């Protein structure tokens, strides 16, 4: 069993808020591809939620603990305050994570359409030794998972309910690797 010590997880999303009593430990290598600056603050909340699930502090009497609470988070903002973004920003975020010390990439985002540039970025990160994890999608489709989760080098993660049955909203079928 691991606490994530020594690992850097790139959360490629809406950014990550800094601070708070139960915050994650952020690396200094994050980036905001939406505003093109080095301040990947979260204007939506989704990226911060994901980062907390990954690496929120533990044993501090506050909130909950992340699954890898000793890992560091590289905040990479590629989605705007509405939670939408461009393929080029996502591609840039993946390459940034691979080139700046990430060990794991988390992509809790998706689209019905894959792009060759996104697939190339995924292949680049995988060839560099990164583990890439992405959301299967939340529209309840049985015809397969969304992209980038559907690419070969990505672990596609679906959702289960409290009783370990598939959540009604979780995409499943082609490309699904694991549920939790």
N, C-alpha and C. Protein backbone atom coordinates (compact mmCIF):
# COMPACT_ATOMS: atom_id res chain seq x y z
N UNK A 1 0.83 -1.17 0.00
CA UNK A 1 0.00 0.00 0.00
C UNK A 1 0.87 1.22 0.00
N UNK A 2 0.50 2.20 -0.82
CA UNK A 2 1.34 3.37 -1.05
C UNK A 2 0.59 4.64 -0.70
N UNK A 3 1.34 5.61 -0.25
CA UNK A 3 0.76 6.92 0.06
C UNK A 3 1.00 7.92 -1.05
N UNK A 4 1.74 7.51 -2.08
CA UNK A 4 2.05 8.40 -3.18
C UNK A 4 3.32 9.21 -2.96
N UNK A 5 4.04 8.95 -1.88
CA UNK A 5 5.25 9.72 -1.58
C UNK A 5 6.22 9.67 -2.76
N UNK A 6 6.68 10.83 -3.17
CA UNK A 6 7.63 10.93 -4.26
C UNK A 6 7.01 11.02 -5.64
N UNK A 7 5.71 10.84 -5.75
CA UNK A 7 5.04 10.89 -7.05
C UNK A 7 4.48 12.28 -7.32
N UNK A 8 4.51 12.66 -8.59
CA UNK A 8 3.89 13.90 -9.04
C UNK A 8 2.74 13.53 -9.98
N UNK A 9 1.53 13.97 -9.61
CA UNK A 9 0.34 13.70 -10.41
C UNK A 9 -0.10 15.00 -11.08
N UNK A 10 -0.07 15.03 -12.40
CA UNK A 10 -0.55 16.20 -13.15
C UNK A 10 -2.07 16.10 -13.26
N UNK A 11 -2.77 17.06 -12.68
CA UNK A 11 -4.22 17.14 -12.80
C UNK A 11 -4.49 18.14 -13.91
N UNK A 12 -4.84 17.61 -15.08
CA UNK A 12 -5.08 18.43 -16.28
C UNK A 12 -6.57 18.66 -16.35
N UNK A 13 -6.99 19.90 -16.00
CA UNK A 13 -8.40 20.15 -15.73
C UNK A 13 -8.66 21.66 -15.74
N UNK A 14 -9.49 22.12 -14.79
CA UNK A 14 -9.86 23.54 -14.67
C UNK A 14 -8.90 24.32 -13.79
N UNK A 15 -7.78 23.71 -13.41
CA UNK A 15 -6.83 24.32 -12.48
C UNK A 15 -7.02 23.73 -11.10
N UNK A 16 -6.24 24.21 -10.14
CA UNK A 16 -6.34 23.76 -8.76
C UNK A 16 -6.17 24.97 -7.85
N UNK A 17 -7.11 25.14 -6.91
CA UNK A 17 -7.00 26.23 -5.93
C UNK A 17 -5.92 25.91 -4.93
N UNK A 18 -5.20 26.93 -4.55
CA UNK A 18 -4.11 26.80 -3.59
C UNK A 18 -4.60 27.18 -2.21
N UNK A 19 -4.14 26.46 -1.20
CA UNK A 19 -4.44 26.85 0.18
C UNK A 19 -5.57 26.07 0.80
N UNK A 20 -5.96 26.53 2.00
CA UNK A 20 -6.99 25.86 2.76
C UNK A 20 -6.37 24.88 3.74
N UNK A 21 -7.10 24.56 4.79
CA UNK A 21 -6.60 23.70 5.85
C UNK A 21 -6.37 22.26 5.40
N UNK A 22 -7.02 21.83 4.35
CA UNK A 22 -6.92 20.44 3.89
C UNK A 22 -6.44 20.39 2.45
N UNK A 23 -5.53 21.29 2.09
CA UNK A 23 -5.10 21.45 0.71
C UNK A 23 -4.18 20.33 0.25
N UNK A 24 -3.97 20.26 -1.05
CA UNK A 24 -2.99 19.36 -1.64
C UNK A 24 -1.65 20.09 -1.70
N UNK A 25 -0.59 19.33 -1.85
CA UNK A 25 0.74 19.92 -2.03
C UNK A 25 0.96 20.12 -3.52
N UNK A 26 1.13 21.38 -3.92
CA UNK A 26 1.31 21.70 -5.33
C UNK A 26 2.79 21.83 -5.69
N UNK A 27 3.15 21.35 -6.86
CA UNK A 27 4.50 21.58 -7.38
C UNK A 27 4.53 23.00 -7.93
N UNK A 28 5.70 23.50 -8.20
CA UNK A 28 5.82 24.83 -8.80
C UNK A 28 5.86 24.79 -10.30
N UNK A 29 5.54 23.63 -10.89
CA UNK A 29 5.68 23.47 -12.33
C UNK A 29 4.35 23.46 -13.08
N UNK A 30 3.29 23.89 -12.40
CA UNK A 30 1.99 23.94 -13.07
C UNK A 30 1.96 25.06 -14.10
N UNK A 31 0.89 25.05 -14.91
CA UNK A 31 0.74 26.09 -15.93
C UNK A 31 -0.72 26.24 -16.31
N UNK A 32 -1.08 27.44 -16.72
CA UNK A 32 -2.43 27.77 -17.16
C UNK A 32 -2.40 28.01 -18.67
N UNK A 33 -2.88 27.04 -19.42
CA UNK A 33 -2.89 27.16 -20.88
C UNK A 33 -4.10 27.95 -21.38
N UNK A 34 -5.07 28.21 -20.53
CA UNK A 34 -6.22 29.03 -20.91
C UNK A 34 -5.81 30.50 -20.94
N UNK A 35 -5.14 30.94 -19.86
CA UNK A 35 -4.69 32.34 -19.77
C UNK A 35 -3.24 32.52 -20.17
N UNK A 36 -2.56 31.43 -20.48
CA UNK A 36 -1.15 31.45 -20.86
C UNK A 36 -0.27 32.16 -19.84
N UNK A 37 -0.35 31.66 -18.60
CA UNK A 37 0.51 32.17 -17.53
C UNK A 37 0.82 31.06 -16.55
N UNK A 38 1.61 31.36 -15.55
CA UNK A 38 2.06 30.34 -14.61
C UNK A 38 1.18 30.25 -13.36
N UNK A 39 -0.06 30.75 -13.44
CA UNK A 39 -0.98 30.72 -12.31
C UNK A 39 -2.20 29.86 -12.66
N UNK A 40 -2.12 28.54 -12.44
CA UNK A 40 -3.23 27.65 -12.81
C UNK A 40 -4.33 27.57 -11.74
N UNK A 41 -4.75 28.72 -11.23
CA UNK A 41 -5.82 28.76 -10.22
C UNK A 41 -7.14 28.29 -10.84
N UNK A 42 -7.96 27.67 -10.02
CA UNK A 42 -9.22 27.07 -10.47
C UNK A 42 -10.36 28.08 -10.37
N UNK A 43 -11.00 28.36 -11.49
CA UNK A 43 -12.15 29.27 -11.52
C UNK A 43 -13.46 28.51 -11.65
N UNK A 44 -13.40 27.18 -11.52
CA UNK A 44 -14.57 26.34 -11.70
C UNK A 44 -14.82 25.43 -10.50
N UNK A 45 -13.79 24.85 -9.94
CA UNK A 45 -13.90 23.95 -8.80
C UNK A 45 -13.68 22.49 -9.13
N UNK A 46 -13.86 22.10 -10.38
CA UNK A 46 -13.73 20.70 -10.76
C UNK A 46 -12.30 20.19 -10.58
N UNK A 47 -11.32 20.93 -11.06
CA UNK A 47 -9.93 20.51 -10.93
C UNK A 47 -9.49 20.39 -9.48
N UNK A 48 -9.96 21.31 -8.65
CA UNK A 48 -9.63 21.26 -7.23
C UNK A 48 -10.24 20.02 -6.58
N UNK A 49 -11.47 19.69 -6.96
CA UNK A 49 -12.13 18.49 -6.45
C UNK A 49 -11.33 17.24 -6.85
N UNK A 50 -10.93 17.17 -8.10
CA UNK A 50 -10.16 16.03 -8.59
C UNK A 50 -8.82 15.94 -7.85
N UNK A 51 -8.14 17.07 -7.70
CA UNK A 51 -6.85 17.08 -7.00
C UNK A 51 -7.02 16.61 -5.56
N UNK A 52 -8.11 16.98 -4.92
CA UNK A 52 -8.38 16.52 -3.56
C UNK A 52 -8.59 15.03 -3.49
N UNK A 53 -9.29 14.48 -4.46
CA UNK A 53 -9.49 13.03 -4.51
C UNK A 53 -8.15 12.32 -4.66
N UNK A 54 -7.26 12.91 -5.40
CA UNK A 54 -5.94 12.33 -5.61
C UNK A 54 -5.06 12.48 -4.38
N UNK A 55 -4.93 13.70 -3.85
CA UNK A 55 -3.84 13.95 -2.90
C UNK A 55 -4.17 14.87 -1.74
N UNK A 56 -5.42 14.95 -1.34
CA UNK A 56 -5.75 15.80 -0.21
C UNK A 56 -5.03 15.32 1.05
N UNK A 57 -4.62 16.27 1.89
CA UNK A 57 -3.86 15.96 3.11
C UNK A 57 -4.62 15.00 4.01
N UNK A 58 -3.87 14.27 4.83
CA UNK A 58 -4.48 13.34 5.77
C UNK A 58 -3.94 13.55 7.17
N UNK A 59 -4.63 12.96 8.13
CA UNK A 59 -4.21 12.96 9.53
C UNK A 59 -4.06 14.37 10.09
N UNK A 60 -4.91 15.28 9.58
CA UNK A 60 -4.85 16.66 10.06
C UNK A 60 -6.16 17.09 10.73
N UNK A 61 -7.09 16.15 10.88
CA UNK A 61 -8.35 16.46 11.55
C UNK A 61 -9.31 17.29 10.73
N UNK A 62 -9.03 17.44 9.43
CA UNK A 62 -9.86 18.27 8.55
C UNK A 62 -10.28 17.48 7.32
N UNK A 63 -11.54 17.56 6.95
CA UNK A 63 -12.02 17.00 5.69
C UNK A 63 -11.75 15.53 5.52
N UNK A 64 -11.32 15.17 4.32
CA UNK A 64 -11.08 13.78 3.95
C UNK A 64 -9.64 13.64 3.48
N UNK A 65 -9.23 12.42 3.19
CA UNK A 65 -7.88 12.16 2.68
C UNK A 65 -7.95 11.71 1.23
N UNK A 66 -6.99 12.16 0.44
CA UNK A 66 -6.87 11.69 -0.93
C UNK A 66 -6.31 10.28 -0.96
N UNK A 67 -6.45 9.60 -2.08
CA UNK A 67 -5.98 8.22 -2.19
C UNK A 67 -4.46 8.13 -2.21
N UNK A 68 -3.78 9.19 -2.61
CA UNK A 68 -2.32 9.25 -2.60
C UNK A 68 -1.91 10.54 -1.90
N UNK A 69 -2.24 10.64 -0.62
CA UNK A 69 -2.14 11.90 0.13
C UNK A 69 -0.73 12.44 0.29
N UNK A 70 0.30 11.65 0.01
CA UNK A 70 1.66 12.17 0.06
C UNK A 70 2.20 12.56 -1.32
N UNK A 71 1.40 12.40 -2.35
CA UNK A 71 1.82 12.80 -3.70
C UNK A 71 1.74 14.32 -3.83
N UNK A 72 2.50 14.85 -4.77
CA UNK A 72 2.40 16.26 -5.13
C UNK A 72 1.53 16.37 -6.37
N UNK A 73 0.84 17.50 -6.48
CA UNK A 73 -0.03 17.74 -7.63
C UNK A 73 0.56 18.84 -8.50
N UNK A 74 0.65 18.56 -9.80
CA UNK A 74 1.01 19.56 -10.79
C UNK A 74 -0.31 20.06 -11.39
N UNK A 75 -0.67 21.29 -11.07
CA UNK A 75 -1.92 21.86 -11.59
C UNK A 75 -1.69 22.34 -13.01
N UNK A 76 -2.47 21.79 -13.95
CA UNK A 76 -2.37 22.18 -15.35
C UNK A 76 -3.78 22.57 -15.82
N UNK A 77 -3.97 23.87 -16.01
CA UNK A 77 -5.30 24.38 -16.40
C UNK A 77 -5.43 24.39 -17.91
N UNK A 78 -6.40 23.60 -18.41
CA UNK A 78 -6.69 23.54 -19.84
C UNK A 78 -8.16 23.81 -20.12
N UNK A 79 -8.97 23.89 -19.05
CA UNK A 79 -10.41 24.13 -19.19
C UNK A 79 -10.76 25.46 -18.52
N UNK A 80 -11.69 26.19 -19.11
CA UNK A 80 -12.06 27.51 -18.58
C UNK A 80 -13.05 27.40 -17.42
N UNK A 81 -13.57 28.52 -16.99
CA UNK A 81 -14.47 28.56 -15.82
C UNK A 81 -15.78 27.81 -16.08
N UNK A 82 -16.13 27.56 -17.32
CA UNK A 82 -17.33 26.78 -17.66
C UNK A 82 -17.01 25.29 -17.80
N UNK A 83 -15.72 24.93 -17.67
CA UNK A 83 -15.32 23.54 -17.80
C UNK A 83 -15.15 23.08 -19.23
N UNK A 84 -14.99 24.02 -20.15
CA UNK A 84 -14.77 23.66 -21.55
C UNK A 84 -13.39 24.14 -21.98
N UNK A 85 -12.88 23.53 -23.04
CA UNK A 85 -11.56 23.91 -23.51
C UNK A 85 -11.32 23.45 -24.92
N UNK A 86 -10.10 23.67 -25.36
CA UNK A 86 -9.73 23.33 -26.73
C UNK A 86 -8.82 22.11 -26.74
N UNK A 87 -8.84 21.39 -27.84
CA UNK A 87 -7.95 20.25 -28.01
C UNK A 87 -6.50 20.70 -27.92
N UNK A 88 -6.17 21.84 -28.51
CA UNK A 88 -4.77 22.29 -28.48
C UNK A 88 -4.30 22.57 -27.07
N UNK A 89 -5.14 23.14 -26.21
CA UNK A 89 -4.73 23.36 -24.82
C UNK A 89 -4.55 22.04 -24.08
N UNK A 90 -5.41 21.07 -24.34
CA UNK A 90 -5.28 19.76 -23.70
C UNK A 90 -3.98 19.09 -24.16
N UNK A 91 -3.71 19.15 -25.44
CA UNK A 91 -2.45 18.60 -25.97
C UNK A 91 -1.26 19.28 -25.31
N UNK A 92 -1.28 20.60 -25.24
CA UNK A 92 -0.18 21.33 -24.60
C UNK A 92 -0.03 20.94 -23.13
N UNK A 93 -1.15 20.72 -22.45
CA UNK A 93 -1.10 20.31 -21.05
C UNK A 93 -0.48 18.94 -20.86
N UNK A 94 -0.81 18.01 -21.73
CA UNK A 94 -0.24 16.66 -21.66
C UNK A 94 1.27 16.71 -21.88
N UNK A 95 1.69 17.43 -22.90
CA UNK A 95 3.13 17.55 -23.20
C UNK A 95 3.85 18.26 -22.05
N UNK A 96 3.23 19.31 -21.51
CA UNK A 96 3.82 20.03 -20.38
C UNK A 96 4.06 19.09 -19.20
N UNK A 97 3.07 18.28 -18.88
CA UNK A 97 3.19 17.33 -17.77
C UNK A 97 4.34 16.35 -18.02
N UNK A 98 4.42 15.83 -19.24
CA UNK A 98 5.47 14.88 -19.58
C UNK A 98 6.85 15.51 -19.52
N UNK A 99 6.96 16.77 -19.88
CA UNK A 99 8.25 17.45 -19.94
C UNK A 99 8.67 18.08 -18.62
N UNK A 100 7.79 18.10 -17.62
CA UNK A 100 8.09 18.84 -16.39
C UNK A 100 7.97 18.00 -15.12
N UNK A 101 8.21 16.71 -15.22
CA UNK A 101 8.37 15.90 -14.03
C UNK A 101 7.17 15.13 -13.52
N UNK A 102 6.06 15.11 -14.26
CA UNK A 102 4.91 14.31 -13.81
C UNK A 102 5.22 12.83 -13.95
N UNK A 103 4.66 12.05 -13.03
CA UNK A 103 4.74 10.60 -13.09
C UNK A 103 3.42 10.01 -13.59
N UNK A 104 2.34 10.72 -13.26
CA UNK A 104 0.98 10.30 -13.59
C UNK A 104 0.25 11.50 -14.16
N UNK A 105 -0.61 11.27 -15.14
CA UNK A 105 -1.51 12.30 -15.67
C UNK A 105 -2.93 11.87 -15.40
N UNK A 106 -3.72 12.78 -14.83
CA UNK A 106 -5.15 12.55 -14.64
C UNK A 106 -5.91 13.50 -15.56
N UNK A 107 -6.81 12.93 -16.37
CA UNK A 107 -7.64 13.70 -17.29
C UNK A 107 -9.11 13.38 -16.99
N UNK A 108 -9.71 14.14 -16.10
CA UNK A 108 -11.13 13.95 -15.79
C UNK A 108 -11.95 14.84 -16.72
N UNK A 109 -11.79 14.60 -17.99
CA UNK A 109 -12.46 15.36 -19.05
C UNK A 109 -12.67 14.43 -20.22
N UNK A 110 -13.50 14.81 -21.15
CA UNK A 110 -13.71 13.92 -22.27
C UNK A 110 -14.52 14.51 -23.40
N UNK A 111 -14.43 13.84 -24.54
CA UNK A 111 -15.14 14.23 -25.75
C UNK A 111 -15.51 12.97 -26.51
N UNK A 112 -16.57 13.07 -27.29
CA UNK A 112 -16.98 11.95 -28.13
C UNK A 112 -16.03 11.71 -29.29
N UNK A 113 -15.20 12.70 -29.57
CA UNK A 113 -14.30 12.63 -30.72
C UNK A 113 -12.85 12.69 -30.28
N UNK A 114 -12.04 11.79 -30.78
CA UNK A 114 -10.61 11.83 -30.52
C UNK A 114 -9.93 12.60 -31.63
N UNK A 115 -8.75 13.08 -31.33
CA UNK A 115 -7.98 13.77 -32.37
C UNK A 115 -6.60 13.15 -32.47
N UNK A 116 -6.02 13.22 -33.65
CA UNK A 116 -4.69 12.65 -33.85
C UNK A 116 -3.65 13.40 -33.02
N UNK A 117 -3.84 14.70 -32.83
CA UNK A 117 -2.87 15.46 -32.03
C UNK A 117 -2.95 15.07 -30.57
N UNK A 118 -4.14 14.81 -30.08
CA UNK A 118 -4.29 14.36 -28.70
C UNK A 118 -3.73 12.96 -28.52
N UNK A 119 -3.97 12.09 -29.48
CA UNK A 119 -3.43 10.74 -29.41
C UNK A 119 -1.90 10.77 -29.44
N UNK A 120 -1.33 11.64 -30.26
CA UNK A 120 0.13 11.77 -30.33
C UNK A 120 0.70 12.26 -29.00
N UNK A 121 0.03 13.19 -28.36
CA UNK A 121 0.48 13.70 -27.06
C UNK A 121 0.42 12.59 -26.01
N UNK A 122 -0.64 11.80 -26.03
CA UNK A 122 -0.78 10.67 -25.12
C UNK A 122 0.36 9.67 -25.35
N UNK A 123 0.63 9.36 -26.61
CA UNK A 123 1.70 8.43 -26.94
C UNK A 123 3.06 8.97 -26.48
N UNK A 124 3.26 10.28 -26.63
CA UNK A 124 4.50 10.93 -26.19
C UNK A 124 4.67 10.77 -24.68
N UNK A 125 3.61 11.04 -23.92
CA UNK A 125 3.68 10.92 -22.47
C UNK A 125 3.89 9.47 -22.04
N UNK A 126 3.22 8.55 -22.69
CA UNK A 126 3.37 7.13 -22.36
C UNK A 126 4.80 6.66 -22.66
N UNK A 127 5.35 7.09 -23.78
CA UNK A 127 6.72 6.72 -24.14
C UNK A 127 7.73 7.28 -23.14
N UNK A 128 7.38 8.38 -22.50
CA UNK A 128 8.24 8.98 -21.47
C UNK A 128 8.07 8.27 -20.13
N UNK A 129 7.19 7.28 -20.06
CA UNK A 129 7.02 6.49 -18.85
C UNK A 129 5.90 6.92 -17.93
N UNK A 130 5.09 7.88 -18.34
CA UNK A 130 3.99 8.33 -17.49
C UNK A 130 2.82 7.36 -17.54
N UNK A 131 2.11 7.26 -16.43
CA UNK A 131 0.85 6.53 -16.36
C UNK A 131 -0.24 7.55 -16.64
N UNK A 132 -1.14 7.25 -17.56
CA UNK A 132 -2.18 8.19 -17.95
C UNK A 132 -3.54 7.59 -17.64
N UNK A 133 -4.33 8.33 -16.86
CA UNK A 133 -5.64 7.89 -16.41
C UNK A 133 -6.66 8.93 -16.86
N UNK A 134 -7.81 8.46 -17.38
CA UNK A 134 -8.84 9.40 -17.83
C UNK A 134 -10.23 8.87 -17.51
N UNK A 135 -11.15 9.80 -17.36
CA UNK A 135 -12.54 9.47 -17.07
C UNK A 135 -13.20 8.81 -18.27
N UNK A 136 -13.99 7.78 -17.99
CA UNK A 136 -14.73 7.08 -19.05
C UNK A 136 -15.83 7.95 -19.63
N UNK A 137 -16.37 8.84 -18.81
CA UNK A 137 -17.47 9.71 -19.23
C UNK A 137 -18.67 9.51 -18.34
N UNK A 138 -19.49 10.53 -18.28
CA UNK A 138 -20.64 10.53 -17.37
C UNK A 138 -21.98 10.72 -18.07
N UNK A 139 -22.12 10.20 -19.31
CA UNK A 139 -23.42 10.32 -19.97
C UNK A 139 -24.14 8.98 -20.09
N UNK A 140 -23.70 7.97 -19.33
CA UNK A 140 -24.41 6.70 -19.27
C UNK A 140 -24.40 5.89 -20.54
N UNK A 141 -23.51 6.18 -21.45
CA UNK A 141 -23.47 5.49 -22.73
C UNK A 141 -22.92 4.08 -22.58
N UNK A 142 -23.56 3.12 -23.24
CA UNK A 142 -23.05 1.75 -23.26
C UNK A 142 -22.23 1.47 -24.51
N UNK A 143 -22.07 2.48 -25.35
CA UNK A 143 -21.35 2.28 -26.61
C UNK A 143 -19.87 2.66 -26.52
N UNK A 144 -19.36 2.77 -25.33
CA UNK A 144 -17.93 3.01 -25.18
C UNK A 144 -17.62 4.27 -24.40
N UNK A 145 -16.35 4.36 -24.03
CA UNK A 145 -15.89 5.49 -23.23
C UNK A 145 -15.51 6.65 -24.13
N UNK A 146 -15.38 7.82 -23.53
CA UNK A 146 -15.01 9.03 -24.25
C UNK A 146 -13.51 9.07 -24.51
N UNK A 147 -13.11 10.01 -25.34
CA UNK A 147 -11.69 10.30 -25.56
C UNK A 147 -11.29 11.40 -24.58
N UNK A 148 -10.12 11.36 -24.04
CA UNK A 148 -8.96 10.55 -24.36
C UNK A 148 -8.93 9.18 -23.69
N UNK A 149 -9.91 8.85 -22.85
CA UNK A 149 -9.90 7.55 -22.15
C UNK A 149 -9.87 6.38 -23.12
N UNK A 150 -10.37 6.54 -24.32
CA UNK A 150 -10.46 5.44 -25.27
C UNK A 150 -9.13 5.13 -25.96
N UNK A 151 -8.17 6.03 -25.88
CA UNK A 151 -6.88 5.76 -26.51
C UNK A 151 -6.18 4.59 -25.81
N UNK A 152 -5.39 3.84 -26.58
CA UNK A 152 -4.74 2.63 -26.08
C UNK A 152 -3.85 2.85 -24.86
N UNK A 153 -3.13 3.95 -24.79
CA UNK A 153 -2.17 4.18 -23.71
C UNK A 153 -2.79 4.80 -22.47
N UNK A 154 -4.12 4.82 -22.39
CA UNK A 154 -4.83 5.46 -21.27
C UNK A 154 -5.63 4.42 -20.50
N UNK A 155 -5.59 4.52 -19.18
CA UNK A 155 -6.44 3.69 -18.33
C UNK A 155 -7.78 4.40 -18.19
N UNK A 156 -8.83 3.81 -18.73
CA UNK A 156 -10.18 4.40 -18.71
C UNK A 156 -10.89 3.97 -17.43
N UNK A 157 -11.34 4.96 -16.65
CA UNK A 157 -11.95 4.68 -15.35
C UNK A 157 -13.42 5.08 -15.35
N UNK A 158 -14.26 4.10 -15.04
CA UNK A 158 -15.70 4.33 -14.90
C UNK A 158 -16.07 4.43 -13.43
N UNK A 159 -17.35 4.65 -13.16
CA UNK A 159 -17.82 4.86 -11.79
C UNK A 159 -18.74 3.74 -11.33
N UNK A 160 -18.65 3.45 -10.02
CA UNK A 160 -19.57 2.51 -9.40
C UNK A 160 -20.35 3.23 -8.30
N UNK A 161 -21.40 2.56 -7.87
CA UNK A 161 -22.21 3.06 -6.76
C UNK A 161 -21.63 2.51 -5.45
N UNK A 162 -22.23 2.90 -4.35
CA UNK A 162 -21.82 2.44 -3.02
C UNK A 162 -21.87 0.91 -2.89
N UNK A 163 -22.73 0.26 -3.68
CA UNK A 163 -22.87 -1.20 -3.60
C UNK A 163 -22.07 -1.94 -4.68
N UNK A 164 -21.10 -1.24 -5.27
CA UNK A 164 -20.19 -1.80 -6.28
C UNK A 164 -20.85 -2.16 -7.61
N UNK A 165 -22.05 -1.68 -7.86
CA UNK A 165 -22.65 -1.84 -9.18
C UNK A 165 -22.32 -0.60 -10.01
N UNK A 166 -22.36 -0.76 -11.31
CA UNK A 166 -22.04 0.35 -12.20
C UNK A 166 -23.02 1.51 -11.96
N UNK A 167 -22.48 2.71 -11.83
CA UNK A 167 -23.32 3.90 -11.67
C UNK A 167 -24.09 4.14 -12.97
N UNK A 168 -25.34 4.53 -12.86
CA UNK A 168 -26.19 4.71 -14.04
C UNK A 168 -25.61 5.70 -15.05
N UNK A 169 -24.86 6.65 -14.58
CA UNK A 169 -24.34 7.71 -15.45
C UNK A 169 -22.99 7.36 -16.08
N UNK A 170 -22.34 6.30 -15.60
CA UNK A 170 -20.99 5.97 -16.07
C UNK A 170 -21.02 5.35 -17.47
N UNK A 171 -20.18 5.88 -18.36
CA UNK A 171 -20.03 5.25 -19.66
C UNK A 171 -19.36 3.89 -19.47
N UNK A 172 -19.71 2.95 -20.34
CA UNK A 172 -19.14 1.62 -20.26
C UNK A 172 -19.13 1.02 -21.66
N UNK A 173 -18.58 -0.16 -21.76
CA UNK A 173 -18.45 -0.79 -23.07
C UNK A 173 -17.03 -0.64 -23.58
N UNK A 174 -16.88 -0.46 -24.88
CA UNK A 174 -15.58 -0.41 -25.53
C UNK A 174 -14.64 0.57 -24.85
N UNK A 175 -13.48 0.05 -24.47
CA UNK A 175 -12.42 0.89 -23.92
C UNK A 175 -12.38 0.99 -22.41
N UNK A 176 -13.39 0.52 -21.71
CA UNK A 176 -13.40 0.63 -20.24
C UNK A 176 -12.38 -0.33 -19.64
N UNK A 177 -11.51 0.18 -18.77
CA UNK A 177 -10.48 -0.65 -18.15
C UNK A 177 -10.78 -1.00 -16.71
N UNK A 178 -11.31 -0.07 -15.94
CA UNK A 178 -11.53 -0.30 -14.52
C UNK A 178 -12.67 0.60 -14.04
N UNK A 179 -13.35 0.18 -12.99
CA UNK A 179 -14.37 1.02 -12.36
C UNK A 179 -14.06 1.13 -10.87
N UNK A 180 -14.48 2.20 -10.28
CA UNK A 180 -14.26 2.42 -8.85
C UNK A 180 -15.37 3.29 -8.29
